[in-house]
Amino acid sequence: DAISAQRIIRSVPIEKTDLFNQQMQSARRGVTREILIKQYLDYLVEYDDILRKKDENMGGMYIIRYNEICESLKKEIFEDVIMEKYGFKGVRIVRLLYEKSKLDEKAVKARQKLTELMSGGFVQIQEVPRSADRAPSRTFYLWDIDYKKCYDHQRLLEKKEKEDALRQLNKSSNIQLLNETERKKLHELEQILTQLVV
């Protein structure tokens, strides 16, 4: 749903007035709280891609781009994981593949890091033969990244960790230490995990 600029301005808490007063003092004279908020909204539309301006009437209507925000957050978290496991070179390669889609390994110039990323399940390789005999000398390889596949891979890993923890709990004798409510929740969790596997 679209939200009007006036509604957003009214929704900003009065407690934040000090922040706006500081901003207005540092800005030129005649800048009001409403103008400042509209400038922030325009900034979010133009640079951060968080909002989309729908209508110019009465100060404008804004739509919050939830899907884009979620995708952006997923991408940032994914890059953090790559940074932690493969360093800055790994992140650069992932960003390059994201921007350009498929790239020849000569364009990327990082065969070892690409191989590491592939063994981790983060990038894929596609063989493209130049001749019908599919000779390796006349074949080039395109590297690609599929974020959706990587996210699914991450979800499967998390699910496996939960299952392992559940199995460990079932094997231990600590189950007797749980009260009745906790046992019911454990049973519900087991049923959910069983349904997810099927």
Protein backbone atom coordinates (compact mmCIF):
# COMPACT_ATOMS: atom_id res chain seq x y z
CA ASP A 1 0.00 0.00 0.00
CA ALA A 2 1.11 3.52 -0.73
CA ILE A 3 1.71 5.95 2.12
CA SER A 4 1.35 9.71 1.73
CA ALA A 5 4.22 12.04 2.58
CA GLN A 6 1.93 13.90 5.00
CA ARG A 7 1.15 10.68 6.86
CA ILE A 8 4.87 9.90 7.13
CA ILE A 9 5.56 13.41 8.43
CA ARG A 10 2.81 13.05 11.05
CA SER A 11 4.18 9.62 12.04
CA VAL A 12 7.66 10.89 12.90
CA PRO A 13 7.70 11.08 16.71
CA ILE A 14 7.92 14.48 18.36
CA GLU A 15 10.84 13.14 20.43
CA LYS A 16 12.90 13.32 17.24
CA THR A 17 12.38 17.11 17.08
CA ASP A 18 15.85 17.74 18.52
CA LEU A 19 17.40 15.81 15.64
CA PHE A 20 15.45 17.88 13.13
CA ASN A 21 16.30 21.14 14.91
CA GLN A 22 20.01 20.30 14.66
CA GLN A 23 19.63 19.48 10.97
CA MET A 24 17.66 22.67 10.31
CA GLN A 25 20.28 24.79 12.09
CA SER A 26 23.07 23.28 10.01
CA ALA A 27 21.03 23.73 6.82
CA ARG A 28 20.04 27.05 5.29
CA ARG A 29 17.35 29.24 6.85
CA GLY A 30 13.75 28.53 6.02
CA VAL A 31 14.12 24.75 6.13
CA THR A 32 11.21 23.24 7.98
CA ARG A 33 10.76 19.84 9.52
CA GLU A 34 8.45 18.85 6.65
CA ILE A 35 10.99 19.89 4.01
CA LEU A 36 13.71 17.94 5.76
CA ILE A 37 11.58 14.78 5.96
CA LYS A 38 10.67 15.11 2.27
CA GLN A 39 14.38 15.45 1.44
CA TYR A 40 15.08 12.24 3.38
CA LEU A 41 12.25 10.47 1.55
CA ASP A 42 13.57 11.67 -1.82
CA TYR A 43 17.01 10.41 -0.84
CA LEU A 44 15.58 6.97 0.00
CA VAL A 45 13.83 6.92 -3.38
CA GLU A 46 16.83 8.03 -5.40
CA TYR A 47 19.83 6.37 -3.77
CA ASP A 48 18.84 3.53 -1.46
CA ASP A 49 16.02 2.08 -3.58
CA ILE A 50 14.02 1.49 -0.39
CA LEU A 51 11.03 3.59 -1.46
CA ARG A 52 9.32 4.21 -4.77
CA LYS A 53 7.46 7.43 -5.37
CA LYS A 54 4.05 6.71 -6.83
CA ASP A 55 2.25 10.02 -7.08
CA GLU A 56 3.30 13.67 -7.02
CA ASN A 57 -0.08 14.98 -5.84
CA MET A 58 -0.20 16.49 -2.35
CA GLY A 59 3.47 15.86 -1.63
CA GLY A 60 3.58 12.39 -3.12
CA MET A 61 2.74 8.84 -2.26
CA TYR A 62 5.46 6.37 -1.36
CA ILE A 63 5.59 2.61 -1.63
CA ILE A 64 7.98 0.65 0.55
CA ARG A 65 9.85 -1.88 -1.57
CA TYR A 66 9.86 -4.83 0.84
CA ASN A 67 10.97 -7.44 -1.70
CA GLU A 68 13.92 -5.34 -2.84
CA ILE A 69 14.89 -4.66 0.79
CA CYS A 70 14.79 -8.39 1.60
CA GLU A 71 16.83 -9.28 -1.49
CA SER A 72 19.36 -6.59 -0.65
CA LEU A 73 19.69 -7.88 2.92
CA LYS A 74 20.06 -11.47 1.71
CA LYS A 75 22.77 -10.39 -0.70
CA GLU A 76 24.64 -8.51 2.03
CA ILE A 77 24.47 -11.46 4.41
CA PHE A 78 25.59 -13.78 1.62
CA GLU A 79 28.56 -11.52 0.89
CA ASP A 80 29.42 -11.46 4.61
CA VAL A 81 29.50 -15.26 4.61
CA ILE A 82 31.73 -15.25 1.52
CA MET A 83 34.01 -12.64 3.13
CA GLU A 84 34.33 -14.75 6.26
CA LYS A 85 35.11 -17.97 4.39
CA TYR A 86 36.97 -16.78 1.27
CA GLY A 87 38.16 -13.25 1.98
CA PHE A 88 37.96 -10.10 -0.08
CA LYS A 89 38.88 -11.85 -3.34
CA GLY A 90 35.93 -14.19 -2.93
CA VAL A 91 33.55 -11.26 -2.41
CA ARG A 92 34.95 -9.45 -5.46
CA ILE A 93 34.42 -12.54 -7.61
CA VAL A 94 30.86 -13.01 -6.32
CA ARG A 95 30.00 -9.35 -6.99
CA LEU A 96 31.51 -9.55 -10.46
CA LEU A 97 29.53 -12.68 -11.29
CA TYR A 98 26.37 -11.07 -9.92
CA GLU A 99 26.84 -7.98 -12.11
CA LYS A 100 27.86 -9.73 -15.31
CA SER A 101 25.94 -13.00 -14.88
CA LYS A 102 28.20 -15.52 -16.69
CA LEU A 103 31.92 -14.95 -17.13
CA ASP A 104 34.81 -16.80 -18.72
CA GLU A 105 37.50 -17.70 -16.20
CA LYS A 106 39.96 -15.56 -18.19
CA ALA A 107 37.75 -12.57 -17.47
CA VAL A 108 37.78 -13.35 -13.77
CA LYS A 109 41.46 -14.43 -13.47
CA ALA A 110 41.06 -16.27 -10.22
CA ARG A 111 40.85 -19.97 -11.00
CA GLN A 112 41.89 -21.14 -7.53
CA LYS A 113 39.36 -18.93 -5.70
CA LEU A 114 36.63 -19.92 -8.17
CA THR A 115 37.38 -23.58 -7.52
CA GLU A 116 37.14 -22.97 -3.76
CA LEU A 117 33.81 -21.18 -4.21
CA MET A 118 32.55 -24.02 -6.40
CA SER A 119 33.52 -26.67 -3.86
CA GLY A 120 31.62 -24.65 -1.25
CA GLY A 121 28.54 -24.73 -3.49
CA PHE A 122 28.48 -20.97 -4.13
CA VAL A 123 29.29 -20.83 -7.85
CA GLN A 124 28.66 -23.16 -10.78
CA ILE A 125 30.58 -23.86 -13.95
CA GLN A 126 29.14 -24.51 -17.39
CA GLU A 127 31.10 -26.15 -20.20
CA VAL A 128 30.61 -24.58 -23.62
CA PRO A 129 32.21 -26.67 -26.41
CA ARG A 130 33.45 -24.84 -29.51
CA SER A 131 33.27 -27.99 -31.61
CA ALA A 132 31.06 -31.06 -31.83
CA ASP A 133 33.77 -33.40 -30.50
CA ARG A 134 33.75 -31.60 -27.12
CA ALA A 135 37.53 -31.66 -26.89
CA PRO A 136 38.79 -29.98 -23.70
CA SER A 137 41.23 -27.85 -25.68
CA ARG A 138 38.32 -26.41 -27.69
CA THR A 139 36.00 -25.90 -24.74
CA PHE A 140 35.65 -22.81 -22.63
CA TYR A 141 34.05 -22.57 -19.22
CA LEU A 142 31.58 -20.02 -17.95
CA TRP A 143 31.25 -19.32 -14.24
CA ASP A 144 27.92 -18.35 -12.79
CA ILE A 145 26.31 -17.64 -9.43
CA ASP A 146 22.74 -18.48 -8.51
CA TYR A 147 21.78 -16.64 -5.33
CA LYS A 148 18.48 -18.49 -4.95
CA LYS A 149 20.29 -21.83 -5.03
CA CYS A 150 22.79 -20.56 -2.46
CA TYR A 151 19.99 -19.41 -0.14
CA ASP A 152 18.28 -22.79 -0.47
CA HIS A 153 21.62 -24.47 0.27
CA GLN A 154 21.93 -22.33 3.41
CA ARG A 155 18.40 -23.25 4.52
CA LEU A 156 19.16 -26.94 4.07
CA LEU A 157 22.31 -26.58 6.17
CA GLU A 158 20.34 -24.85 8.95
CA LYS A 159 17.66 -27.55 8.79
CA LYS A 160 20.31 -30.27 9.02
CA GLU A 161 21.87 -28.57 12.05
CA LYS A 162 18.46 -28.47 13.77
CA GLU A 163 17.86 -32.13 12.96
CA ASP A 164 21.28 -33.09 14.31
CA ALA A 165 20.60 -31.16 17.51
CA LEU A 166 17.23 -32.88 17.85
CA ARG A 167 18.76 -36.32 17.34
CA GLN A 168 21.43 -35.51 19.90
CA LEU A 169 18.75 -34.47 22.37
CA ASN A 170 16.76 -37.65 21.75
CA LYS A 171 19.84 -39.80 22.27
CA SER A 172 20.69 -38.20 25.54
CA SER A 173 18.94 -38.97 28.76
CA ASN A 174 18.21 -35.27 29.29
CA ILE A 175 14.75 -35.65 27.79
CA GLN A 176 13.47 -36.64 31.23
CA LEU A 177 14.54 -33.21 32.47
CA LEU A 178 11.98 -31.53 30.21
CA ASN A 179 8.60 -30.57 31.60
CA GLU A 180 5.35 -31.59 29.89
CA THR A 181 5.05 -28.39 27.80
CA GLU A 182 8.63 -28.69 26.57
CA ARG A 183 8.06 -32.34 25.63
CA LYS A 184 4.95 -31.37 23.62
CA LYS A 185 6.92 -28.65 21.81
CA LEU A 186 9.71 -31.13 21.12
CA HIS A 187 7.17 -33.58 19.70
CA GLU A 188 5.66 -30.81 17.50
CA LEU A 189 9.13 -29.89 16.26
CA GLU A 190 9.83 -33.53 15.41
CA GLN A 191 6.60 -33.69 13.40
CA ILE A 192 7.42 -30.48 11.52
CA LEU A 193 10.91 -31.71 10.69
CA THR A 194 9.49 -35.03 9.51
CA GLN A 195 7.03 -33.20 7.23
CA LEU A 196 9.83 -31.01 5.85
CA VAL A 197 11.88 -34.07 4.95
CA VAL A 198 8.93 -35.64 3.13
